[in-house]
Amino acid sequence: MALKQGYDRTVITLPSLGIVLKFSNIHIILFVKQISRIVAEGMWKYLWHYFSWPAEYRGGARGRLVRGILANIGEFTFYQSTKNPFLVPTYFTLGIVNIQKYCNTIEMDEMSFARQMSQFMGDDIFSDSHHFIEQQNFTYDGNRLRIIDYGLKKGHKAIAKHGKHIMENFDPTKVF
């Protein structure tokens, strides 16, 4: 068992059960601090702005409260609706928690990984560069590269467009 802390989710790996639990992080303290600062400084016009940011943005009110929940739901619905073989299966969600297949993350030189992904994806890598250049978001499962972390919608188009090609052609032994 291992615990991994991300900004949006906390992950508990349970290799003996073959699953991973992804719990949504809800940043209530950051949310309250930001509102308190806005009110204390009398910046009332920014209060509306703080609540108007889409949930995908970490700095806004909705992002602080529901971004992890949206990532969990996004992973589950994207996997269930596409059954894309590039995706590590997500079996179940309640929003606040996901159950996903357990896989080891890939271990290879960071620069070689990022360059190879860039070659496969071109400019589409920037649709969600955090997820596509960090190898801890991937596994080498069944002799094919697969993505573990795919909850945010901004990367779904790139996964649908490039996932199969990446999965079939990625070479973990290639060094740049």
Protein backbone atom coordinates (compact mmCIF):
# COMPACT_ATOMS: atom_id res chain seq x y z
CA MET A 1 0.00 0.00 0.00
CA ALA A 2 1.21 3.49 -0.83
CA LEU A 3 -0.21 6.99 -0.46
CA LYS A 4 0.35 9.65 -3.12
CA GLN A 5 -0.78 13.24 -2.64
CA GLY A 6 -1.74 15.40 -5.62
CA TYR A 7 -3.40 18.80 -5.65
CA ASP A 8 -6.81 17.51 -6.76
CA ARG A 9 -6.75 13.95 -5.44
CA THR A 10 -5.14 11.68 -2.89
CA VAL A 11 -4.34 8.22 -4.23
CA ILE A 12 -4.10 5.04 -2.18
CA THR A 13 -2.61 2.10 -4.06
CA LEU A 14 -3.67 -1.39 -3.02
CA PRO A 15 -1.59 -3.71 -5.23
CA SER A 16 -2.65 -6.84 -3.33
CA LEU A 17 -6.26 -6.11 -4.34
CA GLY A 18 -5.29 -4.91 -7.82
CA ILE A 19 -6.96 -1.51 -7.33
CA VAL A 20 -6.27 2.14 -6.67
CA LEU A 21 -8.56 4.45 -4.69
CA LYS A 22 -8.56 8.10 -5.77
CA PHE A 23 -10.09 10.43 -3.17
CA SER A 24 -11.08 13.99 -4.13
CA ASN A 25 -9.31 16.77 -2.25
CA ILE A 26 -11.66 19.56 -1.21
CA HIS A 27 -9.71 22.70 -0.31
CA ILE A 28 -12.13 24.29 2.15
CA ILE A 29 -9.43 26.16 4.08
CA LEU A 30 -8.01 27.73 0.90
CA PHE A 31 -11.54 28.59 -0.20
CA VAL A 32 -12.35 30.33 3.11
CA LYS A 33 -8.97 32.13 3.24
CA GLN A 34 -9.47 33.55 -0.24
CA ILE A 35 -12.98 34.78 0.52
CA SER A 36 -11.80 36.26 3.84
CA ARG A 37 -8.98 38.11 2.10
CA ILE A 38 -11.30 39.50 -0.57
CA VAL A 39 -13.81 40.67 2.06
CA ALA A 40 -11.12 42.05 4.43
CA GLU A 41 -9.61 44.12 1.63
CA GLY A 42 -13.03 45.37 0.52
CA MET A 43 -12.55 44.02 -2.98
CA TRP A 44 -16.19 43.09 -3.47
CA LYS A 45 -16.04 43.14 -7.27
CA TYR A 46 -13.45 40.33 -7.12
CA LEU A 47 -15.76 38.14 -5.08
CA TRP A 48 -17.96 37.62 -8.15
CA HIS A 49 -14.84 36.97 -10.22
CA TYR A 50 -13.64 34.35 -7.71
CA PHE A 51 -16.92 32.44 -8.05
CA SER A 52 -17.15 32.85 -11.82
CA TRP A 53 -14.00 30.92 -12.75
CA PRO A 54 -14.70 27.50 -14.26
CA ALA A 55 -14.10 24.52 -11.99
CA GLU A 56 -11.13 23.46 -14.12
CA TYR A 57 -9.11 26.39 -12.70
CA ARG A 58 -7.52 25.59 -9.35
CA GLY A 59 -7.53 29.19 -8.14
CA GLY A 60 -11.27 29.80 -8.36
CA ALA A 61 -13.91 28.92 -5.79
CA ARG A 62 -15.35 26.02 -7.77
CA GLY A 63 -11.89 24.67 -8.56
CA ARG A 64 -10.95 24.62 -4.89
CA LEU A 65 -14.15 22.77 -3.96
CA VAL A 66 -15.01 20.38 -6.81
CA ARG A 67 -12.06 19.95 -9.18
CA GLY A 68 -11.08 16.55 -7.69
CA ILE A 69 -14.68 15.36 -7.85
CA LEU A 70 -14.91 16.43 -11.50
CA ALA A 71 -11.63 14.62 -12.26
CA ASN A 72 -13.00 11.41 -10.73
CA ILE A 73 -16.27 11.67 -12.63
CA GLY A 74 -14.39 12.61 -15.80
CA GLU A 75 -12.17 9.54 -15.60
CA PHE A 76 -15.07 7.21 -15.00
CA THR A 77 -17.33 8.60 -17.73
CA PHE A 78 -14.53 8.91 -20.30
CA TYR A 79 -13.44 5.31 -19.75
CA GLN A 80 -16.99 3.91 -19.63
CA SER A 81 -18.11 5.79 -22.76
CA THR A 82 -15.04 5.02 -24.89
CA LYS A 83 -13.43 1.84 -23.48
CA ASN A 84 -10.30 3.30 -25.10
CA PRO A 85 -7.51 0.72 -24.61
CA PHE A 86 -5.00 3.52 -23.90
CA LEU A 87 -6.88 4.23 -20.64
CA VAL A 88 -6.25 2.23 -17.49
CA PRO A 89 -9.78 1.08 -16.55
CA THR A 90 -11.76 3.05 -13.99
CA TYR A 91 -14.26 0.64 -12.50
CA PHE A 92 -16.48 2.79 -10.28
CA THR A 93 -16.97 6.31 -8.93
CA LEU A 94 -18.99 8.12 -6.31
CA GLY A 95 -17.35 11.41 -7.32
CA ILE A 96 -15.59 11.74 -4.01
CA VAL A 97 -13.78 8.40 -4.65
CA ASN A 98 -12.78 6.40 -7.74
CA ILE A 99 -11.80 2.77 -8.00
CA GLN A 100 -9.31 2.14 -10.77
CA LYS A 101 -7.17 -0.81 -11.86
CA TYR A 102 -3.78 -0.86 -10.12
CA CYS A 103 -0.72 -0.50 -12.36
CA ASN A 104 2.88 0.43 -11.66
CA THR A 105 3.93 3.81 -12.98
CA ILE A 106 6.52 3.88 -15.74
CA GLU A 107 10.14 4.34 -14.81
CA MET A 108 12.30 5.96 -17.45
CA ASP A 109 14.35 9.08 -18.05
CA GLU A 110 12.02 12.10 -17.78
CA MET A 111 13.45 13.90 -20.80
CA SER A 112 13.29 10.81 -23.01
CA PHE A 113 9.69 10.24 -21.96
CA ALA A 114 8.65 13.86 -22.62
CA ARG A 115 10.42 14.01 -25.99
CA GLN A 116 8.86 10.79 -27.19
CA MET A 117 5.40 11.96 -26.13
CA SER A 118 6.01 15.27 -27.89
CA GLN A 119 6.97 13.44 -31.09
CA PHE A 120 3.76 11.41 -31.01
CA MET A 121 1.44 14.27 -30.05
CA GLY A 122 2.93 17.39 -31.62
CA ASP A 123 1.22 20.57 -30.39
CA ASP A 124 -1.61 18.52 -28.87
CA ILE A 125 0.73 17.77 -25.96
CA PHE A 126 -0.05 21.29 -24.70
CA SER A 127 -3.76 20.52 -24.35
CA ASP A 128 -2.83 19.08 -20.95
CA SER A 129 0.94 19.19 -20.76
CA HIS A 130 1.04 18.31 -17.04
CA HIS A 131 -0.50 14.93 -17.75
CA PHE A 132 1.21 14.14 -21.03
CA ILE A 133 4.85 14.85 -20.09
CA GLU A 134 5.02 13.38 -16.59
CA GLN A 135 5.68 9.67 -16.68
CA GLN A 136 4.10 9.05 -13.27
CA ASN A 137 0.76 9.48 -15.07
CA PHE A 138 1.49 6.42 -17.23
CA THR A 139 2.09 2.70 -16.94
CA TYR A 140 3.59 0.09 -19.18
CA ASP A 141 0.87 -2.56 -18.92
CA GLY A 142 0.64 -5.57 -21.19
CA ASN A 143 3.69 -4.32 -23.16
CA ARG A 144 1.87 -1.13 -24.07
CA LEU A 145 1.95 2.37 -22.67
CA ARG A 146 -1.33 3.36 -20.99
CA ILE A 147 -2.47 6.50 -19.19
CA ILE A 148 -3.44 6.37 -15.50
CA ASP A 149 -4.52 9.98 -14.85
CA TYR A 150 -7.03 11.27 -17.40
CA GLY A 151 -9.81 12.94 -15.42
CA LEU A 152 -9.72 16.47 -16.80
CA LYS A 153 -11.65 16.97 -20.03
CA LYS A 154 -9.01 19.19 -21.59
CA GLY A 155 -6.92 16.11 -22.42
CA HIS A 156 -9.68 13.83 -23.69
CA LYS A 157 -9.52 14.98 -27.34
CA ALA A 158 -5.76 14.41 -27.47
CA ILE A 159 -6.15 10.97 -25.90
CA ALA A 160 -8.84 10.03 -28.43
CA LYS A 161 -6.69 11.34 -31.29
CA HIS A 162 -3.26 9.99 -30.29
CA GLY A 163 -3.80 7.29 -27.64
CA LYS A 164 -3.88 4.25 -29.89
CA HIS A 165 -0.80 5.35 -31.84
CA ILE A 166 1.13 6.11 -28.63
CA MET A 167 0.08 2.82 -27.06
CA GLU A 168 1.25 0.82 -30.08
CA ASN A 169 4.51 2.67 -30.78
CA PHE A 170 5.92 3.97 -27.50
CA ASP A 171 9.36 2.52 -26.74
CA PRO A 172 10.40 2.64 -23.06
CA THR A 173 13.98 1.72 -23.99
CA LYS A 174 14.46 4.71 -26.29
CA VAL A 175 16.83 7.31 -24.86
CA PHE A 176 17.36 10.80 -26.28
